[in-house]
N, C-alpha and C. Protein backbone atom coordinates (compact mmCIF):
# COMPACT_ATOMS: atom_id res chain seq x y z
N PRO A 1 -192.13 -130.30 86.43
CA PRO A 1 -191.24 -129.20 86.75
C PRO A 1 -191.30 -128.12 85.69
N ASP A 2 -191.18 -126.88 86.13
CA ASP A 2 -191.21 -125.73 85.24
C ASP A 2 -189.87 -125.57 84.55
N ASN A 3 -189.86 -125.62 83.22
CA ASN A 3 -188.61 -125.49 82.46
C ASN A 3 -188.25 -124.04 82.21
N ASP A 4 -189.10 -123.12 82.61
CA ASP A 4 -188.83 -121.69 82.43
C ASP A 4 -189.22 -120.95 83.71
N PRO A 5 -188.41 -121.13 84.76
CA PRO A 5 -188.77 -120.48 86.03
C PRO A 5 -188.71 -118.97 85.91
N LYS A 6 -189.72 -118.30 86.47
CA LYS A 6 -189.78 -116.84 86.41
C LYS A 6 -188.93 -116.19 87.50
N LEU A 7 -188.70 -116.92 88.57
CA LEU A 7 -187.94 -116.39 89.70
C LEU A 7 -186.67 -117.21 89.86
N GLN A 8 -185.55 -116.49 89.97
CA GLN A 8 -184.28 -117.16 90.18
C GLN A 8 -183.54 -116.46 91.30
N GLY A 9 -182.61 -117.15 91.88
CA GLY A 9 -181.83 -116.56 92.97
C GLY A 9 -180.48 -117.22 93.05
N ALA A 10 -179.75 -116.87 94.10
CA ALA A 10 -178.43 -117.44 94.32
C ALA A 10 -178.22 -117.61 95.81
N LEU A 11 -177.34 -118.55 96.17
CA LEU A 11 -177.00 -118.79 97.57
C LEU A 11 -175.54 -119.18 97.65
N VAL A 12 -174.84 -118.61 98.62
CA VAL A 12 -173.45 -118.99 98.89
C VAL A 12 -173.33 -119.19 100.40
N ALA A 13 -172.83 -120.35 100.82
CA ALA A 13 -172.57 -120.62 102.23
C ALA A 13 -171.12 -121.04 102.37
N ILE A 14 -170.35 -120.27 103.16
CA ILE A 14 -168.93 -120.53 103.36
C ILE A 14 -168.67 -120.74 104.84
N GLU A 15 -167.95 -121.80 105.16
CA GLU A 15 -167.55 -122.04 106.55
C GLU A 15 -166.47 -121.03 106.91
N ASN A 16 -166.74 -120.21 107.92
CA ASN A 16 -165.85 -119.10 108.25
C ASN A 16 -164.41 -119.52 108.52
N ARG A 17 -164.23 -120.49 109.40
CA ARG A 17 -162.89 -120.85 109.87
C ARG A 17 -162.02 -121.46 108.77
N THR A 18 -162.61 -122.30 107.92
CA THR A 18 -161.83 -123.05 106.93
C THR A 18 -161.89 -122.45 105.53
N GLY A 19 -162.94 -121.70 105.24
CA GLY A 19 -163.14 -121.19 103.89
C GLY A 19 -163.83 -122.19 102.98
N TYR A 20 -164.18 -123.37 103.50
CA TYR A 20 -164.84 -124.38 102.67
C TYR A 20 -166.21 -123.88 102.23
N VAL A 21 -166.45 -123.96 100.94
CA VAL A 21 -167.75 -123.58 100.39
C VAL A 21 -168.68 -124.76 100.62
N ARG A 22 -169.66 -124.57 101.49
CA ARG A 22 -170.57 -125.65 101.86
C ARG A 22 -171.77 -125.74 100.91
N ALA A 23 -172.14 -124.61 100.32
CA ALA A 23 -173.24 -124.61 99.35
C ALA A 23 -173.03 -123.46 98.38
N LEU A 24 -173.34 -123.73 97.11
CA LEU A 24 -173.25 -122.71 96.08
C LEU A 24 -174.35 -122.99 95.07
N VAL A 25 -175.33 -122.11 95.03
CA VAL A 25 -176.44 -122.26 94.09
C VAL A 25 -176.47 -121.01 93.24
N GLY A 26 -176.36 -121.20 91.94
CA GLY A 26 -176.31 -120.06 91.03
C GLY A 26 -177.58 -119.82 90.24
N GLY A 27 -178.63 -120.55 90.55
CA GLY A 27 -179.90 -120.38 89.84
C GLY A 27 -180.31 -121.68 89.18
N ALA A 28 -181.30 -121.58 88.32
CA ALA A 28 -181.80 -122.76 87.62
C ALA A 28 -180.76 -123.26 86.63
N THR A 29 -180.80 -124.55 86.35
CA THR A 29 -179.88 -125.14 85.39
C THR A 29 -180.66 -125.59 84.16
N GLY A 30 -179.94 -125.85 83.11
CA GLY A 30 -180.56 -126.28 81.87
C GLY A 30 -179.89 -125.60 80.69
N GLU A 31 -180.29 -125.97 79.51
CA GLU A 31 -179.63 -125.44 78.32
C GLU A 31 -179.83 -123.94 78.16
N HIS A 32 -180.88 -123.37 78.71
CA HIS A 32 -181.13 -121.92 78.59
C HIS A 32 -180.52 -121.13 79.74
N PHE A 33 -180.03 -121.82 80.76
CA PHE A 33 -179.50 -121.13 81.94
C PHE A 33 -178.04 -121.49 82.15
N GLN A 34 -177.16 -120.77 81.54
CA GLN A 34 -175.72 -121.02 81.65
C GLN A 34 -175.04 -119.96 82.52
N PHE A 35 -175.81 -119.15 83.22
CA PHE A 35 -175.29 -118.04 84.00
C PHE A 35 -175.37 -118.36 85.47
N ASN A 36 -174.24 -118.32 86.16
CA ASN A 36 -174.20 -118.61 87.59
C ASN A 36 -174.35 -117.30 88.36
N ARG A 37 -175.52 -117.09 88.94
CA ARG A 37 -175.79 -115.83 89.64
C ARG A 37 -174.94 -115.65 90.90
N ALA A 38 -174.43 -116.72 91.47
CA ALA A 38 -173.62 -116.64 92.69
C ALA A 38 -172.20 -116.15 92.39
N THR A 39 -171.64 -116.56 91.27
CA THR A 39 -170.25 -116.22 90.97
C THR A 39 -170.10 -115.21 89.84
N GLN A 40 -171.02 -115.21 88.90
CA GLN A 40 -170.90 -114.32 87.73
C GLN A 40 -171.77 -113.07 87.84
N GLY A 41 -172.88 -113.18 88.52
CA GLY A 41 -173.79 -112.04 88.65
C GLY A 41 -173.22 -110.99 89.58
N LYS A 42 -173.24 -109.76 89.15
CA LYS A 42 -172.76 -108.67 90.01
C LYS A 42 -173.90 -107.71 90.26
N ARG A 43 -174.07 -107.38 91.53
CA ARG A 43 -175.13 -106.47 91.96
C ARG A 43 -174.55 -105.44 92.89
N GLN A 44 -175.26 -104.35 93.04
CA GLN A 44 -174.85 -103.36 94.03
C GLN A 44 -175.17 -103.91 95.42
N PRO A 45 -174.17 -103.99 96.30
CA PRO A 45 -174.44 -104.57 97.61
C PRO A 45 -175.22 -103.64 98.55
N GLY A 46 -175.34 -102.36 98.19
CA GLY A 46 -176.08 -101.43 99.04
C GLY A 46 -175.50 -101.36 100.43
N SER A 47 -176.36 -101.35 101.42
CA SER A 47 -175.92 -101.18 102.81
C SER A 47 -175.06 -102.33 103.32
N SER A 48 -175.07 -103.46 102.66
CA SER A 48 -174.22 -104.56 103.13
C SER A 48 -172.74 -104.26 102.91
N PHE A 49 -172.41 -103.18 102.20
CA PHE A 49 -171.01 -102.76 102.04
C PHE A 49 -170.56 -101.88 103.20
N LYS A 50 -171.50 -101.30 103.92
CA LYS A 50 -171.17 -100.36 105.00
C LYS A 50 -170.24 -100.93 106.08
N PRO A 51 -170.41 -102.18 106.52
CA PRO A 51 -169.50 -102.68 107.56
C PRO A 51 -168.02 -102.65 107.15
N ILE A 52 -167.74 -102.71 105.88
CA ILE A 52 -166.35 -102.63 105.42
C ILE A 52 -165.80 -101.23 105.70
N ILE A 53 -166.61 -100.22 105.47
CA ILE A 53 -166.20 -98.84 105.74
C ILE A 53 -166.03 -98.63 107.24
N TYR A 54 -166.94 -99.15 108.04
CA TYR A 54 -166.83 -99.04 109.49
C TYR A 54 -165.59 -99.77 109.99
N SER A 55 -165.24 -100.88 109.36
CA SER A 55 -164.03 -101.62 109.74
C SER A 55 -162.78 -100.77 109.57
N VAL A 56 -162.73 -100.01 108.49
CA VAL A 56 -161.59 -99.13 108.25
C VAL A 56 -161.53 -98.06 109.34
N ALA A 57 -162.69 -97.50 109.69
CA ALA A 57 -162.73 -96.47 110.73
C ALA A 57 -162.19 -97.01 112.05
N LEU A 58 -162.56 -98.23 112.39
CA LEU A 58 -162.11 -98.84 113.64
C LEU A 58 -160.63 -99.19 113.60
N GLU A 59 -160.18 -99.71 112.47
CA GLU A 59 -158.80 -100.20 112.38
C GLU A 59 -157.78 -99.11 112.05
N GLU A 60 -158.14 -98.20 111.15
CA GLU A 60 -157.17 -97.24 110.63
C GLU A 60 -157.24 -95.87 111.29
N LYS A 61 -158.41 -95.48 111.77
CA LYS A 61 -158.59 -94.12 112.25
C LYS A 61 -158.90 -94.03 113.73
N SER A 62 -158.76 -95.12 114.44
CA SER A 62 -158.96 -95.14 115.90
C SER A 62 -160.36 -94.74 116.34
N TYR A 63 -161.35 -94.97 115.50
CA TYR A 63 -162.73 -94.82 115.95
C TYR A 63 -162.99 -95.93 116.97
N SER A 64 -163.98 -95.73 117.79
CA SER A 64 -164.42 -96.79 118.71
C SER A 64 -165.93 -96.93 118.55
N PRO A 65 -166.53 -97.96 119.11
CA PRO A 65 -167.98 -98.08 119.03
C PRO A 65 -168.71 -96.87 119.63
N ALA A 66 -168.04 -96.15 120.54
CA ALA A 66 -168.66 -95.00 121.20
C ALA A 66 -168.41 -93.67 120.50
N THR A 67 -167.59 -93.67 119.44
CA THR A 67 -167.32 -92.42 118.71
C THR A 67 -168.64 -91.83 118.21
N ILE A 68 -168.82 -90.53 118.42
CA ILE A 68 -170.06 -89.86 118.03
C ILE A 68 -169.95 -89.32 116.61
N ILE A 69 -170.97 -89.61 115.82
CA ILE A 69 -171.10 -89.10 114.45
C ILE A 69 -172.45 -88.42 114.38
N VAL A 70 -172.49 -87.21 113.85
CA VAL A 70 -173.75 -86.47 113.81
C VAL A 70 -174.49 -86.78 112.51
N ASP A 71 -175.67 -87.34 112.65
CA ASP A 71 -176.54 -87.64 111.52
C ASP A 71 -177.36 -86.38 111.24
N GLU A 72 -176.93 -85.64 110.21
CA GLU A 72 -177.53 -84.34 109.90
C GLU A 72 -177.50 -84.11 108.40
N GLN A 73 -178.24 -83.14 107.96
CA GLN A 73 -178.26 -82.81 106.55
C GLN A 73 -176.87 -82.30 106.14
N ILE A 74 -176.35 -82.81 105.02
CA ILE A 74 -175.06 -82.36 104.52
C ILE A 74 -175.15 -82.12 103.02
N GLU A 75 -174.21 -81.36 102.52
CA GLU A 75 -174.05 -81.14 101.08
C GLU A 75 -172.66 -81.59 100.71
N VAL A 76 -172.56 -82.36 99.64
CA VAL A 76 -171.28 -82.88 99.18
C VAL A 76 -171.01 -82.31 97.80
N GLU A 77 -169.85 -81.67 97.65
CA GLU A 77 -169.46 -81.16 96.35
C GLU A 77 -168.97 -82.32 95.51
N LEU A 78 -169.49 -82.42 94.30
CA LEU A 78 -169.07 -83.48 93.41
C LEU A 78 -167.92 -83.00 92.54
N GLU A 79 -167.50 -83.82 91.59
CA GLU A 79 -166.32 -83.51 90.78
C GLU A 79 -166.42 -82.18 90.06
N ARG A 80 -167.57 -81.91 89.48
CA ARG A 80 -167.73 -80.62 88.82
C ARG A 80 -168.11 -79.58 89.86
N GLU A 81 -167.57 -78.40 89.73
CA GLU A 81 -167.76 -77.34 90.72
C GLU A 81 -169.22 -76.99 90.98
N ASP A 82 -170.04 -77.09 89.94
CA ASP A 82 -171.43 -76.65 90.08
C ASP A 82 -172.37 -77.77 90.55
N GLU A 83 -171.81 -78.94 90.86
CA GLU A 83 -172.65 -80.05 91.29
C GLU A 83 -172.59 -80.23 92.82
N ILE A 84 -173.77 -80.26 93.41
CA ILE A 84 -173.90 -80.49 94.85
C ILE A 84 -174.85 -81.67 95.04
N TRP A 85 -174.47 -82.58 95.92
CA TRP A 85 -175.30 -83.74 96.24
C TRP A 85 -175.75 -83.60 97.69
N GLU A 86 -177.03 -83.73 97.92
CA GLU A 86 -177.59 -83.71 99.27
C GLU A 86 -178.11 -85.10 99.59
N PRO A 87 -177.21 -85.97 100.10
CA PRO A 87 -177.64 -87.35 100.40
C PRO A 87 -178.69 -87.39 101.50
N ARG A 88 -179.47 -88.44 101.48
CA ARG A 88 -180.55 -88.62 102.46
C ARG A 88 -180.43 -90.00 103.11
N ASN A 89 -181.05 -90.12 104.25
CA ASN A 89 -181.22 -91.42 104.89
C ASN A 89 -182.52 -92.03 104.39
N ALA A 90 -182.65 -93.34 104.55
CA ALA A 90 -183.93 -93.97 104.25
C ALA A 90 -184.97 -93.32 105.16
N GLY A 91 -186.07 -92.91 104.62
CA GLY A 91 -187.09 -92.22 105.40
C GLY A 91 -186.92 -90.72 105.41
N GLY A 92 -185.74 -90.24 105.02
CA GLY A 92 -185.51 -88.80 104.89
C GLY A 92 -185.26 -88.05 106.18
N ASN A 93 -185.24 -88.72 107.33
CA ASN A 93 -185.06 -88.01 108.60
C ASN A 93 -183.60 -88.02 109.06
N PHE A 94 -183.29 -87.22 110.06
CA PHE A 94 -181.96 -87.15 110.65
C PHE A 94 -182.11 -87.34 112.16
N LEU A 95 -181.17 -88.04 112.77
CA LEU A 95 -181.29 -88.39 114.19
C LEU A 95 -180.31 -87.65 115.09
N GLY A 96 -179.47 -86.79 114.52
CA GLY A 96 -178.52 -86.05 115.35
C GLY A 96 -177.33 -86.91 115.77
N PRO A 97 -176.74 -86.61 116.94
CA PRO A 97 -175.55 -87.36 117.38
C PRO A 97 -175.86 -88.83 117.65
N LEU A 98 -175.06 -89.71 117.06
CA LEU A 98 -175.20 -91.15 117.25
C LEU A 98 -173.83 -91.76 117.51
N SER A 99 -173.79 -92.81 118.29
CA SER A 99 -172.53 -93.55 118.45
C SER A 99 -172.27 -94.31 117.15
N LEU A 100 -171.03 -94.62 116.90
CA LEU A 100 -170.66 -95.40 115.72
C LEU A 100 -171.45 -96.70 115.71
N ARG A 101 -171.55 -97.35 116.86
CA ARG A 101 -172.28 -98.61 116.97
C ARG A 101 -173.74 -98.44 116.53
N ARG A 102 -174.39 -97.37 117.02
CA ARG A 102 -175.81 -97.15 116.70
C ARG A 102 -175.98 -96.76 115.23
N ALA A 103 -175.04 -95.96 114.71
CA ALA A 103 -175.12 -95.55 113.30
C ALA A 103 -175.04 -96.77 112.37
N LEU A 104 -174.16 -97.71 112.71
CA LEU A 104 -174.06 -98.94 111.91
C LEU A 104 -175.31 -99.79 112.10
N GLU A 105 -175.75 -99.91 113.33
CA GLU A 105 -176.94 -100.71 113.63
C GLU A 105 -178.15 -100.20 112.84
N LEU A 106 -178.28 -98.87 112.75
CA LEU A 106 -179.41 -98.26 112.04
C LEU A 106 -179.13 -98.05 110.56
N SER A 107 -177.91 -98.36 110.12
CA SER A 107 -177.49 -98.23 108.72
C SER A 107 -177.73 -96.82 108.19
N ARG A 108 -177.27 -95.82 108.93
CA ARG A 108 -177.49 -94.42 108.57
C ARG A 108 -176.56 -94.00 107.44
N ASN A 109 -177.14 -93.62 106.32
CA ASN A 109 -176.37 -93.22 105.14
C ASN A 109 -175.45 -92.04 105.42
N ILE A 110 -175.96 -91.01 106.06
CA ILE A 110 -175.17 -89.80 106.29
C ILE A 110 -173.94 -90.12 107.13
N CYS A 111 -174.10 -90.90 108.16
CA CYS A 111 -172.96 -91.27 109.02
C CYS A 111 -171.91 -92.03 108.22
N THR A 112 -172.35 -92.96 107.37
CA THR A 112 -171.41 -93.74 106.57
C THR A 112 -170.68 -92.85 105.58
N ILE A 113 -171.39 -91.91 104.98
CA ILE A 113 -170.77 -90.97 104.05
C ILE A 113 -169.71 -90.15 104.77
N LYS A 114 -170.04 -89.67 105.98
CA LYS A 114 -169.06 -88.88 106.75
C LYS A 114 -167.83 -89.71 107.09
N ILE A 115 -168.03 -90.96 107.44
CA ILE A 115 -166.89 -91.82 107.75
C ILE A 115 -166.01 -92.02 106.52
N LEU A 116 -166.63 -92.32 105.38
CA LEU A 116 -165.86 -92.50 104.15
C LEU A 116 -165.07 -91.24 103.82
N MET A 117 -165.69 -90.07 103.97
CA MET A 117 -165.01 -88.82 103.69
C MET A 117 -163.82 -88.63 104.63
N ASP A 118 -163.91 -89.14 105.85
CA ASP A 118 -162.82 -89.01 106.81
C ASP A 118 -161.70 -90.01 106.54
N VAL A 119 -162.04 -91.28 106.29
CA VAL A 119 -161.01 -92.31 106.14
C VAL A 119 -160.40 -92.34 104.73
N GLY A 120 -161.16 -91.92 103.73
CA GLY A 120 -160.66 -91.89 102.36
C GLY A 120 -160.97 -93.15 101.57
N PHE A 121 -160.90 -93.03 100.25
CA PHE A 121 -161.24 -94.13 99.36
C PHE A 121 -160.22 -95.27 99.40
N ASP A 122 -158.92 -94.91 99.35
CA ASP A 122 -157.89 -95.93 99.25
C ASP A 122 -157.91 -96.94 100.39
N PRO A 123 -158.00 -96.49 101.65
CA PRO A 123 -158.06 -97.48 102.74
C PRO A 123 -159.29 -98.39 102.67
N VAL A 124 -160.42 -97.85 102.21
CA VAL A 124 -161.63 -98.67 102.09
C VAL A 124 -161.45 -99.70 100.98
N ILE A 125 -160.93 -99.28 99.85
CA ILE A 125 -160.72 -100.21 98.74
C ILE A 125 -159.69 -101.26 99.14
N GLN A 126 -158.63 -100.85 99.83
CA GLN A 126 -157.62 -101.79 100.29
C GLN A 126 -158.22 -102.80 101.27
N MET A 127 -159.07 -102.34 102.18
CA MET A 127 -159.73 -103.24 103.13
C MET A 127 -160.61 -104.24 102.38
N ALA A 128 -161.38 -103.75 101.42
CA ALA A 128 -162.24 -104.64 100.63
C ALA A 128 -161.40 -105.70 99.92
N ARG A 129 -160.26 -105.30 99.37
CA ARG A 129 -159.37 -106.25 98.69
C ARG A 129 -158.86 -107.30 99.68
N SER A 130 -158.46 -106.86 100.86
CA SER A 130 -157.93 -107.79 101.86
C SER A 130 -159.01 -108.75 102.37
N MET A 131 -160.27 -108.37 102.17
CA MET A 131 -161.39 -109.21 102.59
C MET A 131 -161.89 -110.11 101.46
N GLY A 132 -161.25 -110.02 100.27
CA GLY A 132 -161.60 -110.93 99.18
C GLY A 132 -162.45 -110.33 98.07
N ILE A 133 -162.70 -109.03 98.10
CA ILE A 133 -163.48 -108.41 97.03
C ILE A 133 -162.52 -107.97 95.93
N THR A 134 -162.69 -108.54 94.75
CA THR A 134 -161.79 -108.25 93.63
C THR A 134 -162.43 -107.37 92.56
N SER A 135 -163.71 -107.14 92.64
CA SER A 135 -164.41 -106.30 91.65
C SER A 135 -163.88 -104.88 91.68
N THR A 136 -164.08 -104.16 90.58
CA THR A 136 -163.71 -102.76 90.52
C THR A 136 -164.60 -101.97 91.47
N LEU A 137 -163.97 -101.16 92.31
CA LEU A 137 -164.72 -100.33 93.26
C LEU A 137 -164.52 -98.87 92.90
N GLY A 138 -165.62 -98.14 92.77
CA GLY A 138 -165.56 -96.74 92.37
C GLY A 138 -164.95 -95.86 93.45
N ARG A 139 -164.12 -94.94 93.04
CA ARG A 139 -163.52 -93.98 93.98
C ARG A 139 -164.40 -92.75 94.03
N ASN A 140 -165.59 -92.91 94.60
CA ASN A 140 -166.52 -91.80 94.74
C ASN A 140 -167.33 -91.98 96.02
N ILE A 141 -167.98 -90.91 96.43
CA ILE A 141 -168.71 -90.92 97.70
C ILE A 141 -169.82 -91.96 97.74
N SER A 142 -170.41 -92.27 96.59
CA SER A 142 -171.49 -93.26 96.60
C SER A 142 -171.00 -94.66 96.93
N LEU A 143 -169.67 -94.87 96.98
CA LEU A 143 -169.13 -96.15 97.45
C LEU A 143 -169.66 -96.45 98.85
N SER A 144 -169.86 -95.41 99.64
CA SER A 144 -170.37 -95.58 101.01
C SER A 144 -171.78 -96.17 101.04
N LEU A 145 -172.50 -96.04 99.94
CA LEU A 145 -173.87 -96.56 99.87
C LEU A 145 -173.92 -97.89 99.11
N GLY A 146 -172.74 -98.45 98.81
CA GLY A 146 -172.69 -99.76 98.16
C GLY A 146 -173.07 -99.75 96.70
N THR A 147 -172.61 -98.76 95.94
CA THR A 147 -172.99 -98.66 94.53
C THR A 147 -172.07 -99.42 93.59
N SER A 148 -170.89 -99.84 94.05
CA SER A 148 -169.99 -100.63 93.19
C SER A 148 -170.46 -102.08 93.19
N GLU A 149 -170.51 -102.66 92.01
CA GLU A 149 -171.08 -104.00 91.87
C GLU A 149 -170.09 -105.09 92.27
N VAL A 150 -170.57 -106.06 93.04
CA VAL A 150 -169.78 -107.21 93.45
C VAL A 150 -170.63 -108.47 93.32
N SER A 151 -169.96 -109.61 93.25
CA SER A 151 -170.71 -110.87 93.18
C SER A 151 -171.09 -111.32 94.59
N LEU A 152 -172.10 -112.13 94.69
CA LEU A 152 -172.52 -112.68 95.98
C LEU A 152 -171.39 -113.52 96.57
N PHE A 153 -170.66 -114.24 95.74
CA PHE A 153 -169.54 -115.05 96.20
C PHE A 153 -168.48 -114.19 96.88
N GLN A 154 -168.11 -113.06 96.26
CA GLN A 154 -167.12 -112.16 96.84
C GLN A 154 -167.62 -111.55 98.15
N LEU A 155 -168.86 -111.11 98.16
CA LEU A 155 -169.40 -110.47 99.36
C LEU A 155 -169.50 -111.46 100.52
N THR A 156 -169.92 -112.68 100.24
CA THR A 156 -170.00 -113.71 101.28
C THR A 156 -168.61 -114.02 101.81
N SER A 157 -167.64 -114.12 100.92
CA SER A 157 -166.25 -114.35 101.32
C SER A 157 -165.77 -113.22 102.23
N ALA A 158 -166.08 -111.99 101.87
CA ALA A 158 -165.68 -110.83 102.68
C ALA A 158 -166.30 -110.89 104.07
N TYR A 159 -167.55 -111.29 104.16
CA TYR A 159 -168.24 -111.32 105.45
C TYR A 159 -167.71 -112.39 106.40
N THR A 160 -166.98 -113.39 105.88
CA THR A 160 -166.42 -114.41 106.78
C THR A 160 -165.35 -113.81 107.68
N VAL A 161 -164.84 -112.65 107.34
CA VAL A 161 -163.81 -111.98 108.13
C VAL A 161 -164.35 -111.57 109.51
N PHE A 162 -165.59 -111.14 109.57
CA PHE A 162 -166.15 -110.63 110.82
C PHE A 162 -166.19 -111.68 111.94
N PRO A 163 -166.74 -112.87 111.73
CA PRO A 163 -166.72 -113.86 112.81
C PRO A 163 -165.37 -114.56 112.95
N ASN A 164 -164.45 -114.27 112.02
CA ASN A 164 -163.14 -114.92 111.99
C ASN A 164 -162.05 -114.06 112.61
N SER A 165 -162.43 -113.13 113.48
CA SER A 165 -161.48 -112.25 114.18
C SER A 165 -160.59 -111.46 113.23
N GLY A 166 -161.16 -111.05 112.08
CA GLY A 166 -160.42 -110.21 111.15
C GLY A 166 -159.55 -110.97 110.16
N ILE A 167 -159.58 -112.27 110.17
CA ILE A 167 -158.76 -113.09 109.28
C ILE A 167 -159.59 -113.50 108.07
N HIS A 168 -159.04 -113.24 106.87
CA HIS A 168 -159.71 -113.70 105.65
C HIS A 168 -159.09 -115.01 105.21
N VAL A 169 -159.94 -116.00 104.99
CA VAL A 169 -159.51 -117.29 104.47
C VAL A 169 -160.10 -117.41 103.07
N ASP A 170 -159.24 -117.64 102.08
CA ASP A 170 -159.73 -117.78 100.71
C ASP A 170 -160.74 -118.91 100.63
N PRO A 171 -161.83 -118.71 99.88
CA PRO A 171 -162.82 -119.78 99.72
C PRO A 171 -162.22 -120.99 99.02
N VAL A 172 -162.63 -122.17 99.46
CA VAL A 172 -162.16 -123.43 98.89
C VAL A 172 -163.36 -124.16 98.29
N LEU A 173 -163.35 -124.30 96.98
CA LEU A 173 -164.46 -124.99 96.32
C LEU A 173 -164.24 -126.50 96.26
N VAL A 174 -162.99 -126.94 96.14
CA VAL A 174 -162.69 -128.36 96.05
C VAL A 174 -161.74 -128.73 97.18
N LYS A 175 -162.18 -129.63 98.05
CA LYS A 175 -161.33 -130.05 99.18
C LYS A 175 -160.35 -131.14 98.78
N ARG A 176 -160.83 -132.10 97.99
CA ARG A 176 -159.97 -133.24 97.66
C ARG A 176 -160.42 -133.84 96.33
N ILE A 177 -159.45 -134.34 95.57
CA ILE A 177 -159.74 -135.05 94.33
C ILE A 177 -159.16 -136.46 94.45
N GLU A 178 -160.01 -137.44 94.22
CA GLU A 178 -159.58 -138.84 94.28
C GLU A 178 -159.83 -139.49 92.94
N ASP A 179 -158.99 -140.50 92.62
CA ASP A 179 -159.26 -141.27 91.40
C ASP A 179 -160.28 -142.35 91.73
N ARG A 180 -160.61 -143.16 90.76
CA ARG A 180 -161.67 -144.16 90.97
C ARG A 180 -161.29 -145.25 91.97
N TYR A 181 -160.00 -145.33 92.31
CA TYR A 181 -159.55 -146.33 93.28
C TYR A 181 -159.43 -145.75 94.70
N GLY A 182 -159.77 -144.49 94.84
CA GLY A 182 -159.70 -143.86 96.15
C GLY A 182 -158.35 -143.23 96.46
N ASN A 183 -157.45 -143.22 95.49
CA ASN A 183 -156.16 -142.58 95.69
C ASN A 183 -156.34 -141.06 95.62
N VAL A 184 -155.77 -140.37 96.58
CA VAL A 184 -155.91 -138.93 96.64
C VAL A 184 -154.95 -138.30 95.63
N LEU A 185 -155.51 -137.59 94.66
CA LEU A 185 -154.71 -136.91 93.65
C LEU A 185 -154.34 -135.50 94.07
N GLU A 186 -155.27 -134.87 94.79
CA GLU A 186 -155.01 -133.52 95.30
C GLU A 186 -155.80 -133.36 96.59
N ASP A 187 -155.17 -132.74 97.58
CA ASP A 187 -155.82 -132.52 98.87
C ASP A 187 -155.54 -131.09 99.30
N HIS A 188 -156.59 -130.38 99.66
CA HIS A 188 -156.38 -128.98 100.02
C HIS A 188 -155.69 -128.91 101.35
């Protein structure tokens, strides 16, 4: 076995209905690897953060899957008056009018930015919190592109809300503790 693996990764599997953590892999183990990439590592989630913004649009602003959003070139004024940001989609093209459903399906950056600008930062951050994301989330337009860092554990926990009909169940790492005689000391 290689004692110095060049490639490492993480995996989190959570049962949606119960919140039971079925698998948690944080990378290689050993005296040189004390860092759990699943719980301690924070990365920019990128487009995987977009469904949280779309959730706010559906729940708070009465958007529907058929709501039309125009995917077009835009300019966004930043905090300083002389700063302008011209966000782009992957590939640099624009597709014109799209339904909310299609914009999410295609992960269109411009559409997500427009939605965030409409719904506001606070409702998105509040939604993320209610879905189990505890990391600091930036109050800026790039939040729509997933630039705030979160752990894989938090993001996986948040995603359990979608198949769970909007209900967040806190992840459970330990179901039961028994002593050596089989007596239950703690049961979730």
